[in-house]
Protein backbone atom coordinates (compact mmCIF):
# COMPACT_ATOMS: atom_id res chain seq x y z
CA UNK A 1 -0.03 -0.20 -0.28
CA UNK A 2 1.08 3.68 -0.42
CA UNK A 3 3.12 5.39 2.13
CA UNK A 4 0.80 8.44 2.38
CA UNK A 5 1.58 11.09 4.96
CA UNK A 6 -1.93 12.33 4.86
CA UNK A 7 -5.18 11.64 3.12
CA UNK A 8 -7.13 8.61 1.41
CA UNK A 9 -5.08 5.96 0.39
CA UNK A 10 -4.82 5.39 -3.18
CA UNK A 11 -6.94 2.73 -4.81
CA UNK A 12 -4.90 -0.40 -5.50
CA UNK A 13 -5.17 -2.19 -8.57
CA UNK A 14 -6.94 -5.77 -8.66
CA UNK A 15 -4.08 -7.03 -10.70
CA UNK A 16 -1.09 -5.09 -12.29
CA UNK A 17 -2.68 -4.13 -15.29
CA UNK A 18 -6.04 -3.03 -13.87
CA UNK A 19 -6.81 0.67 -13.00
CA UNK A 20 -9.94 1.04 -10.63
CA UNK A 21 -12.27 1.73 -13.38
CA UNK A 22 -11.93 2.66 -16.91
CA UNK A 23 -12.74 6.47 -16.38
CA UNK A 24 -10.68 7.01 -13.52
CA UNK A 25 -8.88 10.42 -13.46
CA UNK A 26 -5.94 11.01 -11.37
CA UNK A 27 -3.81 14.39 -10.76
CA UNK A 28 -0.30 14.91 -9.42
CA UNK A 29 1.12 18.19 -8.44
CA UNK A 30 4.19 19.39 -6.60
CA UNK A 31 6.93 21.63 -7.21
CA UNK A 32 9.50 21.19 -9.67
CA UNK A 33 11.91 18.02 -9.10
CA UNK A 34 9.66 16.70 -6.42
CA UNK A 35 8.94 13.43 -8.32
CA UNK A 36 5.78 13.93 -9.94
CA UNK A 37 6.97 12.24 -13.46
CA UNK A 38 8.45 9.26 -11.74
CA UNK A 39 5.20 8.94 -9.88
CA UNK A 40 3.11 9.21 -13.28
CA UNK A 41 5.26 6.64 -14.99
CA UNK A 42 5.16 4.14 -12.06
CA UNK A 43 1.23 4.55 -12.28
CA UNK A 44 1.39 4.01 -16.30
CA UNK A 45 3.71 1.18 -15.58
CA UNK A 46 1.20 -0.64 -13.19
CA UNK A 47 -1.60 -0.08 -15.32
CA UNK A 48 -0.61 0.04 -19.16
CA UNK A 49 -4.12 1.46 -20.11
CA UNK A 50 -3.33 4.48 -18.20
CA UNK A 51 -2.63 7.65 -20.66
CA UNK A 52 -0.10 9.83 -19.02
CA UNK A 53 -0.42 13.39 -19.65
CA UNK A 54 2.72 15.49 -18.76
CA UNK A 55 2.13 19.32 -18.41
CA UNK A 56 5.80 19.73 -19.26
CA UNK A 57 4.63 18.98 -22.89
CA UNK A 58 2.07 21.64 -23.03
CA UNK A 59 3.34 24.71 -20.85
CA UNK A 60 3.43 27.40 -23.37
CA UNK A 61 6.93 28.55 -22.55
CA UNK A 62 8.91 29.39 -19.35
CA UNK A 63 6.03 31.70 -18.02
CA UNK A 64 3.24 29.36 -18.84
CA UNK A 65 2.49 27.57 -15.51
CA UNK A 66 -1.11 29.36 -15.28
CA UNK A 67 -1.78 29.02 -18.62
CA UNK A 68 -1.31 25.05 -18.68
CA UNK A 69 -3.00 24.95 -15.10
CA UNK A 70 -6.04 26.45 -16.92
CA UNK A 71 -6.01 23.85 -19.59
CA UNK A 72 -6.36 20.67 -17.42
CA UNK A 73 -9.98 21.12 -16.78
CA UNK A 74 -10.45 21.53 -20.60
CA UNK A 75 -8.38 18.64 -21.42
CA UNK A 76 -10.35 16.41 -18.71
CA UNK A 77 -13.55 17.50 -20.45
CA UNK A 78 -12.62 17.75 -24.02
CA UNK A 79 -10.43 14.73 -24.14
CA UNK A 80 -7.96 16.32 -25.88
CA UNK A 81 -4.89 18.80 -25.83
CA UNK A 82 -2.34 20.54 -27.85
CA UNK A 83 1.38 20.12 -27.14
CA UNK A 84 3.92 23.32 -26.84
CA UNK A 85 6.84 23.03 -29.13
CA UNK A 86 9.79 24.41 -27.08
CA UNK A 87 11.93 24.62 -30.32
CA UNK A 88 9.91 27.00 -32.29
CA UNK A 89 8.23 28.46 -29.11
CA UNK A 90 4.48 28.09 -30.44
CA UNK A 91 1.73 25.81 -30.18
CA UNK A 92 2.18 22.36 -31.67
CA UNK A 93 0.33 19.00 -32.51
CA UNK A 94 -3.23 18.35 -31.07
CA UNK A 95 -3.39 14.88 -29.54
CA UNK A 96 -6.72 12.86 -28.59
CA UNK A 97 -7.61 10.80 -25.21
CA UNK A 98 -9.81 7.81 -24.86
CA UNK A 99 -12.52 8.67 -22.66
CA UNK A 100 -12.92 5.15 -21.74
CA UNK A 101 -9.19 4.83 -20.37
CA UNK A 102 -7.92 5.96 -17.20
CA UNK A 103 -5.94 9.41 -17.37
CA UNK A 104 -3.19 10.58 -15.14
CA UNK A 105 -2.26 14.22 -15.52
CA UNK A 106 1.08 15.46 -13.89
CA UNK A 107 2.84 18.50 -13.50
CA UNK A 108 3.05 21.84 -11.33
CA UNK A 109 -0.48 23.16 -11.70
CA UNK A 110 -2.19 20.19 -12.47
CA UNK A 111 -4.14 20.31 -9.27
CA UNK A 112 -6.21 23.48 -8.83
CA UNK A 113 -9.94 24.47 -7.36
CA UNK A 114 -11.08 23.91 -11.17
CA UNK A 115 -9.29 20.41 -11.66
CA UNK A 116 -10.05 19.15 -8.48
CA UNK A 117 -13.83 18.14 -9.01
CA UNK A 118 -12.94 16.53 -12.23
CA UNK A 119 -10.66 13.86 -10.71
CA UNK A 120 -11.20 10.87 -8.76
CA UNK A 121 -7.82 10.89 -6.90
CA UNK A 122 -5.34 13.82 -6.40
CA UNK A 123 -1.78 13.48 -5.25
CA UNK A 124 0.65 16.18 -3.72
CA UNK A 125 4.53 15.15 -3.89
CA UNK A 126 6.48 16.80 -1.44
CA UNK A 127 10.15 17.02 -1.23
CA UNK A 128 12.57 19.39 0.48
CA UNK A 129 14.02 22.38 -1.76
CA UNK A 130 17.57 21.43 -2.13
CA UNK A 131 16.72 17.89 -3.42
CA UNK A 132 14.19 19.30 -5.52
CA UNK A 133 16.72 21.75 -7.38
CA UNK A 134 19.43 18.93 -7.34
CA UNK A 135 17.02 16.52 -9.19
CA UNK A 136 15.65 19.10 -11.42
CA UNK A 137 18.95 20.44 -12.53
CA UNK A 138 20.47 17.16 -13.09
CA UNK A 139 17.63 15.99 -15.14
CA UNK A 140 17.43 19.20 -17.45
CA UNK A 141 21.06 20.74 -16.92
CA UNK A 142 21.91 24.17 -18.53
CA UNK A 143 18.50 24.19 -20.33
CA UNK A 144 16.70 24.98 -17.00
CA UNK A 145 19.63 26.27 -14.92
CA UNK A 146 18.79 29.94 -16.19
CA UNK A 147 14.86 29.49 -15.67
CA UNK A 148 14.80 28.07 -11.98
CA UNK A 149 14.15 31.07 -10.09
CA UNK A 150 11.70 32.34 -12.84
CA UNK A 151 9.69 28.93 -12.51
CA UNK A 152 9.81 28.78 -8.93
CA UNK A 153 8.37 32.37 -8.38
CA UNK A 154 5.33 31.20 -10.56
CA UNK A 155 5.16 27.76 -8.53
CA UNK A 156 4.91 29.99 -5.53
CA UNK A 157 2.20 32.33 -6.69
CA UNK A 158 0.16 29.39 -7.85
CA UNK A 159 0.50 27.55 -4.51
CA UNK A 160 -0.38 30.59 -2.81
CA UNK A 161 -3.57 30.93 -4.80
CA UNK A 162 -4.88 27.54 -5.44
CA UNK A 163 -3.27 25.83 -2.46
CA UNK A 164 -3.03 22.26 -4.14
CA UNK A 165 -1.58 20.48 -1.24
CA UNK A 166 -4.44 21.29 1.00
CA UNK A 167 -6.89 19.94 -1.84
CA UNK A 168 -4.51 16.72 -2.35
CA UNK A 169 -6.49 13.33 -1.18
CA UNK A 170 -2.84 12.11 -0.59
CA UNK A 171 0.58 13.74 0.22
CA UNK A 172 3.38 11.53 -0.90
CA UNK A 173 7.05 11.70 -0.06
CA UNK A 174 9.06 12.68 -3.19
CA UNK A 175 11.61 10.14 -2.07
CA UNK A 176 8.94 7.22 -2.42
CA UNK A 177 7.46 8.90 -5.80
CA UNK A 178 8.79 6.20 -8.12
CA UNK A 179 6.90 3.22 -6.44
CA UNK A 180 3.23 2.30 -7.02
CA UNK A 181 1.32 1.18 -5.18
């Protein structure tokens, strides 16, 4: 079972290939480098039918946290999303989701007051600041380093306004994020 800090335990599959139900929706939020992507991948590995959506694929640039967060409820309702082309710095291809398969959305800004009612389970991934920064910069290196403070300011504003940790059904230790359930 999950090692929750607080909140309802996440549903466990009846087998390693079965999500709780076909229309299960899960939102994973937390600050940069906390382990959200690792947790999302672990869920998708446990339940291959899960469609994993990463906000990193559609933040519209380095100042796009709020814009991407606002897209999450639309994605869960319309079952489509548009990627962001980081090379050309413009909107890219559209992607369709299967409404009869589970969906996991992970990224900073996934869990907001607008997206919470559309989810069956919500998770906040918590990790100390120094470990988060080390992980994020090891992962993205020099591409991310000049933007770390800029992004962190957006995170803090989002957290102050939306309070995603308080909205979460579960708070998960980022050191354990790579395991599910």
